[in-house]
Each structure stands twice: as C-alpha cells, then as structure tokens.
Amino acid sequence: MTVKHDSMYTMRINKEIKEKAEIVARQSGLSLSGVVKALFIQMNETGAIPFDIRLTQNVRYHAAMDTSHMTHDEIIDKAMKEVINENIETLKVLAK
C-alpha cells in the first residue's frame, strides 16, 4: 500500500529535549520524524494516545478543582496554563 504524504506538521520544542529525544529515537533505529509518523498512525488506528501521559502532581491538583462544568480538554488546558504561569513567575524572580 502506498501512502500519500500530503501534509506537513511543524512544532517548536526546547533544543535539549529534542536532542535527548533524537538519541532515544536513534537507539530504536528511527528518526524523530519516523517516531512522530508512527505516533500519528497509531493514534489513528486505535483512537487513543498509545502511551500513558503522566501528569505532575501540580497539574493533578489544579485539574481536581471545581471542574464539573468543564470538558477534560478544558481541565487540562486550564491546569497547564497555570503551571506555565507559575514557571514564568519563577523565571522572573530568578532573572532579578
């Protein structure tokens, strides 16, 4: 079966994270592009993310707040924004 590659996906990521991921991918005989393609294919075939995404205790705490009116994605988005904002505040303090 021939697969037509007619779309491109680009993302920004921390250089150190990318470099470490490249080493892991190479050890498995893959490129980062190959890993991402495999991830997308697996997600399409199973309808799920093929691994457990572990949330930090901080994200779980914020997600456990009153969220009965929110979807799962909204809860995660809210928690992640709060974590990012906390990290920004920490960086501001460290920059002084």
Protein backbone atom coordinates (compact mmCIF):
# COMPACT_ATOMS: atom_id res chain seq x y z
CA MET A 1 0.00 0.00 0.00
CA THR A 2 1.39 3.40 -0.97
CA VAL A 3 0.78 6.23 1.49
CA LYS A 4 0.47 9.73 0.10
CA HIS A 5 2.31 12.30 2.23
CA ASP A 6 0.41 15.49 1.50
CA SER A 7 0.60 17.34 4.80
CA MET A 8 3.37 18.76 6.98
CA TYR A 9 3.48 19.17 10.77
CA THR A 10 5.91 21.59 12.41
CA MET A 11 6.43 22.24 16.12
CA ARG A 12 8.67 24.29 18.38
CA ILE A 13 10.43 22.49 21.22
CA ASN A 14 13.27 23.05 23.65
CA LYS A 15 16.61 22.19 21.99
CA GLU A 16 17.79 19.96 24.86
CA ILE A 17 14.54 17.96 24.87
CA LYS A 18 14.80 17.48 21.10
CA GLU A 19 18.43 16.36 21.27
CA LYS A 20 17.71 13.81 24.01
CA ALA A 21 14.69 12.52 22.07
CA GLU A 22 16.85 12.15 18.94
CA ILE A 23 19.25 9.92 20.87
CA VAL A 24 16.39 7.71 22.08
CA ALA A 25 14.90 7.53 18.58
CA ARG A 26 18.28 6.64 17.04
CA GLN A 27 18.78 3.88 19.61
CA SER A 28 15.48 2.44 18.35
CA GLY A 29 16.59 2.77 14.73
CA LEU A 30 14.24 5.66 13.98
CA SER A 31 14.41 9.35 13.21
CA LEU A 32 12.27 11.84 15.14
CA SER A 33 10.15 12.19 12.02
CA GLY A 34 9.65 8.42 11.97
CA VAL A 35 8.64 8.42 15.64
CA VAL A 36 6.07 11.18 15.08
CA LYS A 37 4.69 9.42 11.98
CA ALA A 38 4.38 6.18 13.97
CA LEU A 39 2.63 8.06 16.79
CA PHE A 40 0.11 9.65 14.41
CA ILE A 41 -0.58 6.32 12.66
CA GLN A 42 -1.07 4.53 15.99
CA MET A 43 -3.42 7.27 17.23
CA ASN A 44 -5.47 6.99 14.04
CA GLU A 45 -5.63 3.19 14.22
CA THR A 46 -6.56 3.00 17.91
CA GLY A 47 -8.37 6.28 18.51
CA ALA A 48 -6.15 6.90 21.54
CA ILE A 49 -2.69 8.05 22.56
CA PRO A 50 -0.61 4.85 22.66
CA PHE A 51 1.08 5.59 25.99
CA ASP A 52 0.23 6.93 29.41
CA ILE A 53 0.78 10.66 29.75
CA ARG A 54 1.71 11.18 33.37
CA LEU A 55 0.51 14.42 34.87
CA THR A 56 2.60 16.13 37.51
CA GLN A 57 1.16 16.47 40.99
CA ASN A 58 0.70 20.20 40.35
CA VAL A 59 -1.35 19.58 37.20
CA ARG A 60 -3.47 16.95 39.01
CA TYR A 61 -4.12 19.37 41.89
CA HIS A 62 -5.36 22.11 39.60
CA ALA A 63 -7.37 19.68 37.50
CA ALA A 64 -9.10 18.40 40.64
CA MET A 65 -10.51 21.83 41.44
CA ASP A 66 -14.22 22.52 40.72
CA THR A 67 -14.33 21.44 37.11
CA SER A 68 -17.77 19.82 36.89
CA HIS A 69 -18.76 22.30 34.17
CA MET A 70 -15.62 21.71 32.08
CA THR A 71 -14.61 19.13 29.49
CA HIS A 72 -11.50 17.00 30.04
CA ASP A 73 -9.56 19.08 27.50
CA GLU A 74 -10.62 22.33 29.19
CA ILE A 75 -9.45 20.99 32.57
CA ILE A 76 -6.04 20.01 31.19
CA ASP A 77 -5.71 23.33 29.31
CA LYS A 78 -6.53 25.27 32.49
CA ALA A 79 -4.08 23.28 34.59
CA MET A 80 -1.29 23.57 32.01
CA LYS A 81 -1.79 27.35 31.70
CA GLU A 82 -1.49 27.67 35.48
CA VAL A 83 1.71 25.60 35.51
CA ILE A 84 3.16 27.73 32.69
CA ASN A 85 2.23 30.94 34.51
CA GLU A 86 3.89 29.63 37.71
CA ASN A 87 7.04 28.84 35.73
CA ILE A 88 7.03 32.31 34.16
CA GLU A 89 6.78 33.89 37.63
CA THR A 90 9.66 31.73 38.86
CA LEU A 91 11.80 32.78 35.88
CA LYS A 92 11.05 36.44 36.57
CA VAL A 93 12.23 36.04 40.16
CA LEU A 94 15.38 34.20 39.06
CA ALA A 95 16.12 36.87 36.43
CA LYS A 96 16.30 39.63 39.06
